[in-house]
Amino acid sequence: MKCAWFTQLRGNNPNTGKEIDEYGCAIAWMPILTIENSQQQRHTGAAVESFRNEMVQANATTGQLLASQNKLLES
């Protein structure tokens, strides 16, 4: 109760998956919040990588279409 950053935290514990609805000092929550932040960054990284792979595939397809069209025009 003497912490200046006394706050409520709601959500799921990233280690156990259990629901959290507790009050505590924000400094004490830092390890849990850091773990959650790391997990969210991994999800974001995976989504960006997936999007990149889709764009590479789409660009390759477009390149093939343009190349085949150029061959037809040259004939």
PDB file of N, CA and C in Angstrom:
ATOM      1  N   MET A   1       0.810  -1.200   0.000  1.00  0.00           N
ATOM      2  CA  MET A   1       0.000   0.000   0.000  1.00  0.00           C
ATOM      3  C   MET A   1       0.855   1.267   0.000  1.00  0.00           C
ATOM      4  N   LYS A   2       2.167   1.139   0.200  1.00  0.00           N
ATOM      5  CA  LYS A   2       3.035   2.319   0.233  1.00  0.00           C
ATOM      6  C   LYS A   2       3.641   2.606  -1.134  1.00  0.00           C
ATOM      7  N   CYS A   3       3.379   1.762  -2.122  1.00  0.00           N
ATOM      8  CA  CYS A   3       3.930   1.953  -3.463  1.00  0.00           C
ATOM      9  C   CYS A   3       3.192   3.104  -4.154  1.00  0.00           C
ATOM     10  N   ALA A   4       3.956   4.008  -4.757  1.00  0.00           N
ATOM     11  CA  ALA A   4       3.346   5.128  -5.471  1.00  0.00           C
ATOM     12  C   ALA A   4       2.658   4.671  -6.749  1.00  0.00           C
ATOM     13  N   TRP A   5       3.048   3.517  -7.235  1.00  0.00           N
ATOM     14  CA  TRP A   5       2.501   2.992  -8.493  1.00  0.00           C
ATOM     15  C   TRP A   5       1.607   1.787  -8.241  1.00  0.00           C
ATOM     16  N   PHE A   6       0.829   1.834  -7.182  1.00  0.00           N
ATOM     17  CA  PHE A   6      -0.098   0.761  -6.842  1.00  0.00           C
ATOM     18  C   PHE A   6      -1.198   0.725  -7.901  1.00  0.00           C
ATOM     19  N   THR A   7      -1.368  -0.393  -8.552  1.00  0.00           N
ATOM     20  CA  THR A   7      -2.297  -0.469  -9.673  1.00  0.00           C
ATOM     21  C   THR A   7      -2.925  -1.860  -9.766  1.00  0.00           C
ATOM     22  N   GLN A   8      -4.005  -1.943 -10.525  1.00  0.00           N
ATOM     23  CA  GLN A   8      -4.688  -3.213 -10.715  1.00  0.00           C
ATOM     24  C   GLN A   8      -4.234  -3.821 -12.047  1.00  0.00           C
ATOM     25  N   LEU A   9      -3.994  -5.120 -12.026  1.00  0.00           N
ATOM     26  CA  LEU A   9      -3.605  -5.843 -13.229  1.00  0.00           C
ATOM     27  C   LEU A   9      -4.650  -6.923 -13.489  1.00  0.00           C
ATOM     28  N   ARG A  10      -5.213  -6.900 -14.714  1.00  0.00           N
ATOM     29  CA  ARG A  10      -6.197  -7.907 -15.120  1.00  0.00           C
ATOM     30  C   ARG A  10      -5.704  -8.580 -16.385  1.00  0.00           C
ATOM     31  N   GLY A  11      -5.946  -9.854 -16.491  1.00  0.00           N
ATOM     32  CA  GLY A  11      -5.554 -10.602 -17.684  1.00  0.00           C
ATOM     33  C   GLY A  11      -5.168 -12.016 -17.316  1.00  0.00           C
ATOM     34  N   ASN A  12      -4.330 -12.617 -18.155  1.00  0.00           N
ATOM     35  CA  ASN A  12      -3.868 -13.978 -17.910  1.00  0.00           C
ATOM     36  C   ASN A  12      -2.381 -13.981 -17.632  1.00  0.00           C
ATOM     37  N   ASN A  13      -1.980 -14.782 -16.664  1.00  0.00           N
ATOM     38  CA  ASN A  13      -0.572 -14.942 -16.359  1.00  0.00           C
ATOM     39  C   ASN A  13       0.091 -15.640 -17.537  1.00  0.00           C
ATOM     40  N   PRO A  14       1.112 -15.046 -18.166  1.00  0.00           N
ATOM     41  CA  PRO A  14       1.726 -15.662 -19.335  1.00  0.00           C
ATOM     42  C   PRO A  14       2.455 -16.962 -19.029  1.00  0.00           C
ATOM     43  N   ASN A  15       2.788 -17.193 -17.764  1.00  0.00           N
ATOM     44  CA  ASN A  15       3.477 -18.441 -17.387  1.00  0.00           C
ATOM     45  C   ASN A  15       2.511 -19.583 -17.143  1.00  0.00           C
ATOM     46  N   THR A  16       1.419 -19.290 -16.462  1.00  0.00           N
ATOM     47  CA  THR A  16       0.500 -20.345 -16.047  1.00  0.00           C
ATOM     48  C   THR A  16      -0.805 -20.356 -16.825  1.00  0.00           C
ATOM     49  N   GLY A  17      -1.184 -19.231 -17.431  1.00  0.00           N
ATOM     50  CA  GLY A  17      -2.454 -19.128 -18.132  1.00  0.00           C
ATOM     51  C   GLY A  17      -3.608 -18.803 -17.207  1.00  0.00           C
ATOM     52  N   LYS A  18      -3.344 -18.764 -15.893  1.00  0.00           N
ATOM     53  CA  LYS A  18      -4.400 -18.445 -14.930  1.00  0.00           C
ATOM     54  C   LYS A  18      -4.793 -16.978 -15.049  1.00  0.00           C
ATOM     55  N   GLU A  19      -6.075 -16.721 -14.745  1.00  0.00           N
ATOM     56  CA  GLU A  19      -6.567 -15.344 -14.766  1.00  0.00           C
ATOM     57  C   GLU A  19      -5.989 -14.561 -13.599  1.00  0.00           C
ATOM     58  N   ILE A  20      -5.646 -13.300 -13.879  1.00  0.00           N
ATOM     59  CA  ILE A  20      -5.133 -12.392 -12.847  1.00  0.00           C
ATOM     60  C   ILE A  20      -6.106 -11.225 -12.724  1.00  0.00           C
ATOM     61  N   ASP A  21      -6.470 -10.890 -11.519  1.00  0.00           N
ATOM     62  CA  ASP A  21      -7.247  -9.696 -11.218  1.00  0.00           C
ATOM     63  C   ASP A  21      -6.813  -9.252  -9.828  1.00  0.00           C
ATOM     64  N   GLU A  22      -5.656  -8.614  -9.776  1.00  0.00           N
ATOM     65  CA  GLU A  22      -5.047  -8.270  -8.493  1.00  0.00           C
ATOM     66  C   GLU A  22      -4.512  -6.848  -8.510  1.00  0.00           C
ATOM     67  N   TYR A  23      -4.403  -6.296  -7.318  1.00  0.00           N
ATOM     68  CA  TYR A  23      -3.745  -5.019  -7.137  1.00  0.00           C
ATOM     69  C   TYR A  23      -2.328  -5.279  -6.651  1.00  0.00           C
ATOM     70  N   GLY A  24      -1.403  -4.441  -7.075  1.00  0.00           N
ATOM     71  CA  GLY A  24      -0.027  -4.560  -6.620  1.00  0.00           C
ATOM     72  C   GLY A  24       0.793  -3.403  -7.143  1.00  0.00           C
ATOM     73  N   CYS A  25       2.023  -3.348  -6.725  1.00  0.00           N
ATOM     74  CA  CYS A  25       2.931  -2.303  -7.169  1.00  0.00           C
ATOM     75  C   CYS A  25       3.366  -2.597  -8.604  1.00  0.00           C
ATOM     76  N   ALA A  26       3.328  -1.586  -9.451  1.00  0.00           N
ATOM     77  CA  ALA A  26       3.693  -1.761 -10.858  1.00  0.00           C
ATOM     78  C   ALA A  26       5.111  -2.304 -10.993  1.00  0.00           C
ATOM     79  N   ILE A  27       5.992  -1.940 -10.081  1.00  0.00           N
ATOM     80  CA  ILE A  27       7.363  -2.448 -10.127  1.00  0.00           C
ATOM     81  C   ILE A  27       7.364  -3.962  -9.916  1.00  0.00           C
ATOM     82  N   ALA A  28       6.516  -4.450  -9.045  1.00  0.00           N
ATOM     83  CA  ALA A  28       6.435  -5.893  -8.796  1.00  0.00           C
ATOM     84  C   ALA A  28       5.843  -6.636  -9.996  1.00  0.00           C
ATOM     85  N   TRP A  29       5.021  -5.952 -10.795  1.00  0.00           N
ATOM     86  CA  TRP A  29       4.421  -6.584 -11.975  1.00  0.00           C
ATOM     87  C   TRP A  29       5.391  -6.660 -13.155  1.00  0.00           C
ATOM     88  N   MET A  30       6.498  -5.948 -13.104  1.00  0.00           N
ATOM     89  CA  MET A  30       7.399  -5.847 -14.249  1.00  0.00           C
ATOM     90  C   MET A  30       7.839  -7.198 -14.826  1.00  0.00           C
ATOM     91  N   PRO A  31       8.203  -8.201 -14.035  1.00  0.00           N
ATOM     92  CA  PRO A  31       8.602  -9.481 -14.648  1.00  0.00           C
ATOM     93  C   PRO A  31       7.474 -10.116 -15.472  1.00  0.00           C
ATOM     94  N   ILE A  32       6.259 -10.099 -14.971  1.00  0.00           N
ATOM     95  CA  ILE A  32       5.129 -10.673 -15.703  1.00  0.00           C
ATOM     96  C   ILE A  32       4.857  -9.862 -16.963  1.00  0.00           C
ATOM     97  N   LEU A  33       4.891  -8.549 -16.856  1.00  0.00           N
ATOM     98  CA  LEU A  33       4.630  -7.696 -18.008  1.00  0.00           C
ATOM     99  C   LEU A  33       5.726  -7.832 -19.064  1.00  0.00           C
ATOM    100  N   THR A  34       6.953  -8.038 -18.638  1.00  0.00           N
ATOM    101  CA  THR A  34       8.060  -8.238 -19.575  1.00  0.00           C
ATOM    102  C   THR A  34       7.898  -9.540 -20.333  1.00  0.00           C
ATOM    103  N   ILE A  35       7.496 -10.592 -19.651  1.00  0.00           N
ATOM    104  CA  ILE A  35       7.255 -11.881 -20.308  1.00  0.00           C
ATOM    105  C   ILE A  35       6.118 -11.746 -21.317  1.00  0.00           C
ATOM    106  N   GLU A  36       5.052 -11.092 -20.935  1.00  0.00           N
ATOM    107  CA  GLU A  36       3.912 -10.902 -21.838  1.00  0.00           C
ATOM    108  C   GLU A  36       4.324 -10.077 -23.054  1.00  0.00           C
ATOM    109  N   ASN A  37       5.101  -9.037 -22.834  1.00  0.00           N
ATOM    110  CA  ASN A  37       5.576  -8.201 -23.931  1.00  0.00           C
ATOM    111  C   ASN A  37       6.415  -9.026 -24.906  1.00  0.00           C
ATOM    112  N   SER A  38       7.277  -9.873 -24.391  1.00  0.00           N
ATOM    113  CA  SER A  38       8.101 -10.733 -25.252  1.00  0.00           C
ATOM    114  C   SER A  38       7.238 -11.676 -26.073  1.00  0.00           C
ATOM    115  N   GLN A  39       6.207 -12.235 -25.466  1.00  0.00           N
ATOM    116  CA  GLN A  39       5.312 -13.133 -26.200  1.00  0.00           C
ATOM    117  C   GLN A  39       4.584 -12.384 -27.309  1.00  0.00           C
ATOM    118  N   GLN A  40       4.136 -11.179 -27.028  1.00  0.00           N
ATOM    119  CA  GLN A  40       3.443 -10.392 -28.051  1.00  0.00           C
ATOM    120  C   GLN A  40       4.385 -10.025 -29.190  1.00  0.00           C
ATOM    121  N   GLN A  41       5.634  -9.743 -28.874  1.00  0.00           N
ATOM    122  CA  GLN A  41       6.609  -9.431 -29.921  1.00  0.00           C
ATOM    123  C   GLN A  41       6.861 -10.641 -30.811  1.00  0.00           C
ATOM    124  N   ARG A  42       6.897 -11.833 -30.227  1.00  0.00           N
ATOM    125  CA  ARG A  42       7.077 -13.048 -31.029  1.00  0.00           C
ATOM    126  C   ARG A  42       5.888 -13.254 -31.962  1.00  0.00           C
ATOM    127  N   HIS A  43       4.689 -13.018 -31.473  1.00  0.00           N
ATOM    128  CA  HIS A  43       3.495 -13.146 -32.322  1.00  0.00           C
ATOM    129  C   HIS A  43       3.539 -12.130 -33.464  1.00  0.00           C
ATOM    130  N   THR A  44       3.933 -10.917 -33.141  1.00  0.00           N
ATOM    131  CA  THR A  44       4.028  -9.884 -34.170  1.00  0.00           C
ATOM    132  C   THR A  44       5.084 -10.249 -35.202  1.00  0.00           C
ATOM    133  N   GLY A  45       6.219 -10.736 -34.749  1.00  0.00           N
ATOM    134  CA  GLY A  45       7.279 -11.156 -35.662  1.00  0.00           C
ATOM    135  C   GLY A  45       6.824 -12.268 -36.584  1.00  0.00           C
ATOM    136  N   ALA A  46       6.083 -13.219 -36.055  1.00  0.00           N
ATOM    137  CA  ALA A  46       5.571 -14.323 -36.879  1.00  0.00           C
ATOM    138  C   ALA A  46       4.573 -13.814 -37.911  1.00  0.00           C
ATOM    139  N   ALA A  47       3.725 -12.873 -37.517  1.00  0.00           N
ATOM    140  CA  ALA A  47       2.745 -12.317 -38.455  1.00  0.00           C
ATOM    141  C   ALA A  47       3.442 -11.534 -39.563  1.00  0.00           C
ATOM    142  N   VAL A  48       4.464 -10.758 -39.208  1.00  0.00           N
ATOM    143  CA  VAL A  48       5.212  -9.994 -40.205  1.00  0.00           C
ATOM    144  C   VAL A  48       5.928 -10.943 -41.167  1.00  0.00           C
ATOM    145  N   GLU A  49       6.520 -11.997 -40.638  1.00  0.00           N
ATOM    146  CA  GLU A  49       7.208 -12.970 -41.495  1.00  0.00           C
ATOM    147  C   GLU A  49       6.232 -13.648 -42.451  1.00  0.00           C
ATOM    148  N   SER A  50       5.068 -14.001 -41.959  1.00  0.00           N
ATOM    149  CA  SER A  50       4.051 -14.619 -42.802  1.00  0.00           C
ATOM    150  C   SER A  50       3.614 -13.665 -43.909  1.00  0.00           C
ATOM    151  N   PHE A  51       3.402 -12.406 -43.553  1.00  0.00           N
ATOM    152  CA  PHE A  51       3.018 -11.403 -44.539  1.00  0.00           C
ATOM    153  C   PHE A  51       4.119 -11.218 -45.576  1.00  0.00           C
ATOM    154  N   ARG A  52       5.354 -11.189 -45.135  1.00  0.00           N
ATOM    155  CA  ARG A  52       6.487 -11.054 -46.049  1.00  0.00           C
ATOM    156  C   ARG A  52       6.526 -12.209 -47.027  1.00  0.00           C
ATOM    157  N   ASN A  53       6.336 -13.421 -46.530  1.00  0.00           N
ATOM    158  CA  ASN A  53       6.353 -14.595 -47.407  1.00  0.00           C
ATOM    159  C   ASN A  53       5.247 -14.520 -48.452  1.00  0.00           C
ATOM    160  N   GLU A  54       4.084 -14.046 -48.055  1.00  0.00           N
ATOM    161  CA  GLU A  54       2.986 -13.880 -49.009  1.00  0.00           C
ATOM    162  C   GLU A  54       3.338 -12.843 -50.075  1.00  0.00           C
ATOM    163  N   MET A  55       3.968 -11.758 -49.665  1.00  0.00           N
ATOM    164  CA  MET A  55       4.351 -10.705 -50.612  1.00  0.00           C
ATOM    165  C   MET A  55       5.433 -11.199 -51.575  1.00  0.00           C
ATOM    166  N   VAL A  56       6.391 -11.967 -51.073  1.00  0.00           N
ATOM    167  CA  VAL A  56       7.439 -12.521 -51.942  1.00  0.00           C
ATOM    168  C   VAL A  56       6.809 -13.431 -52.983  1.00  0.00           C
ATOM    169  N   GLN A  57       5.878 -14.265 -52.538  1.00  0.00           N
ATOM    170  CA  GLN A  57       5.204 -15.177 -53.472  1.00  0.00           C
ATOM    171  C   GLN A  57       4.386 -14.392 -54.504  1.00  0.00           C
ATOM    172  N   ALA A  58       3.672 -13.375 -54.066  1.00  0.00           N
ATOM    173  CA  ALA A  58       2.870 -12.573 -54.991  1.00  0.00           C
ATOM    174  C   ALA A  58       3.761 -11.837 -55.989  1.00  0.00           C
ATOM    175  N   ASN A  59       4.890 -11.312 -55.535  1.00  0.00           N
ATOM    176  CA  ASN A  59       5.817 -10.620 -56.428  1.00  0.00           C
ATOM    177  C   ASN A  59       6.420 -11.583 -57.447  1.00  0.00           C
ATOM    178  N   ALA A  60       6.723 -12.794 -57.029  1.00  0.00           N
ATOM    179  CA  ALA A  60       7.269 -13.790 -57.956  1.00  0.00           C
ATOM    180  C   ALA A  60       6.236 -14.137 -59.021  1.00  0.00           C
ATOM    181  N   THR A  61       4.994 -14.302 -58.621  1.00  0.00           N
ATOM    182  CA  THR A  61       3.920 -14.611 -59.567  1.00  0.00           C
ATOM    183  C   THR A  61       3.735 -13.467 -60.560  1.00  0.00           C
ATOM    184  N   THR A  62       3.746 -12.248 -60.046  1.00  0.00           N
ATOM    185  CA  THR A  62       3.611 -11.078 -60.916  1.00  0.00           C
ATOM    186  C   THR A  62       4.781 -11.003 -61.898  1.00  0.00           C
ATOM    187  N   GLY A  63       5.974 -11.261 -61.428  1.00  0.00           N
ATOM    188  CA  GLY A  63       7.145 -11.257 -62.300  1.00  0.00           C
ATOM    189  C   GLY A  63       7.042 -12.294 -63.398  1.00  0.00           C
ATOM    190  N   GLN A  64       6.554 -13.478 -63.053  1.00  0.00           N
ATOM    191  CA  GLN A  64       6.380 -14.537 -64.058  1.00  0.00           C
ATOM    192  C   GLN A  64       5.331 -14.138 -65.090  1.00  0.00           C
ATOM    193  N   LEU A  65       4.240 -13.543 -64.633  1.00  0.00           N
ATOM    194  CA  LEU A  65       3.204 -13.107 -65.565  1.00  0.00           C
ATOM    195  C   LEU A  65       3.718 -12.033 -66.517  1.00  0.00           C
ATOM    196  N   LEU A  66       4.466 -11.084 -65.982  1.00  0.00           N
ATOM    197  CA  LEU A  66       5.019 -10.026 -66.821  1.00  0.00           C
ATOM    198  C   LEU A  66       6.026 -10.585 -67.819  1.00  0.00           C
ATOM    199  N   ALA A  67       6.840 -11.528 -67.379  1.00  0.00           N
ATOM    200  CA  ALA A  67       7.826 -12.128 -68.284  1.00  0.00           C
ATOM    201  C   ALA A  67       7.140 -12.879 -69.411  1.00  0.00           C
ATOM    202  N   SER A  68       6.099 -13.636 -69.081  1.00  0.00           N
ATOM    203  CA  SER A  68       5.390 -14.388 -70.139  1.00  0.00           C
ATOM    204  C   SER A  68       4.646 -13.442 -71.074  1.00  0.00           C
ATOM    205  N   GLN A  69       4.132 -12.340 -70.540  1.00  0.00           N
ATOM    206  CA  GLN A  69       3.457 -11.356 -71.390  1.00  0.00           C
ATOM    207  C   GLN A  69       4.438 -10.682 -72.335  1.00  0.00           C
ATOM    208  N   ASN A  70       5.637 -10.377 -71.834  1.00  0.00           N
ATOM    209  CA  ASN A  70       6.661  -9.771 -72.677  1.00  0.00           C
ATOM    210  C   ASN A  70       7.074 -10.712 -73.805  1.00  0.00           C
ATOM    211  N   LYS A  71       7.145 -12.001 -73.517  1.00  0.00           N
ATOM    212  CA  LYS A  71       7.500 -12.987 -74.548  1.00  0.00           C
ATOM    213  C   LYS A  71       6.435 -13.023 -75.628  1.00  0.00           C
ATOM    214  N   LEU A  72       5.170 -12.929 -75.236  1.00  0.00           N
ATOM    215  CA  LEU A  72       4.068 -12.941 -76.210  1.00  0.00           C
ATOM    216  C   LEU A  72       4.120 -11.689 -77.080  1.00  0.00           C
ATOM    217  N   LEU A  73       4.448 -10.551 -76.483  1.00  0.00           N
ATOM    218  CA  LEU A  73       4.494  -9.305 -77.233  1.00  0.00           C
ATOM    219  C   LEU A  73       5.689  -9.292 -78.205  1.00  0.00           C
ATOM    220  N   GLU A  74       6.773  -9.940 -77.832  1.00  0.00           N
ATOM    221  CA  GLU A  74       7.941  -9.991 -78.703  1.00  0.00           C
ATOM    222  C   GLU A  74       7.732 -10.919 -79.886  1.00  0.00           C
ATOM    223  N   SER A  75       6.828 -11.861 -79.775  1.00  0.00           N
ATOM    224  CA  SER A  75       6.597 -12.838 -80.850  1.00  0.00           C
ATOM    225  C   SER A  75       5.855 -12.265 -82.023  1.00  0.00           C
TER     226      SER A  75
END
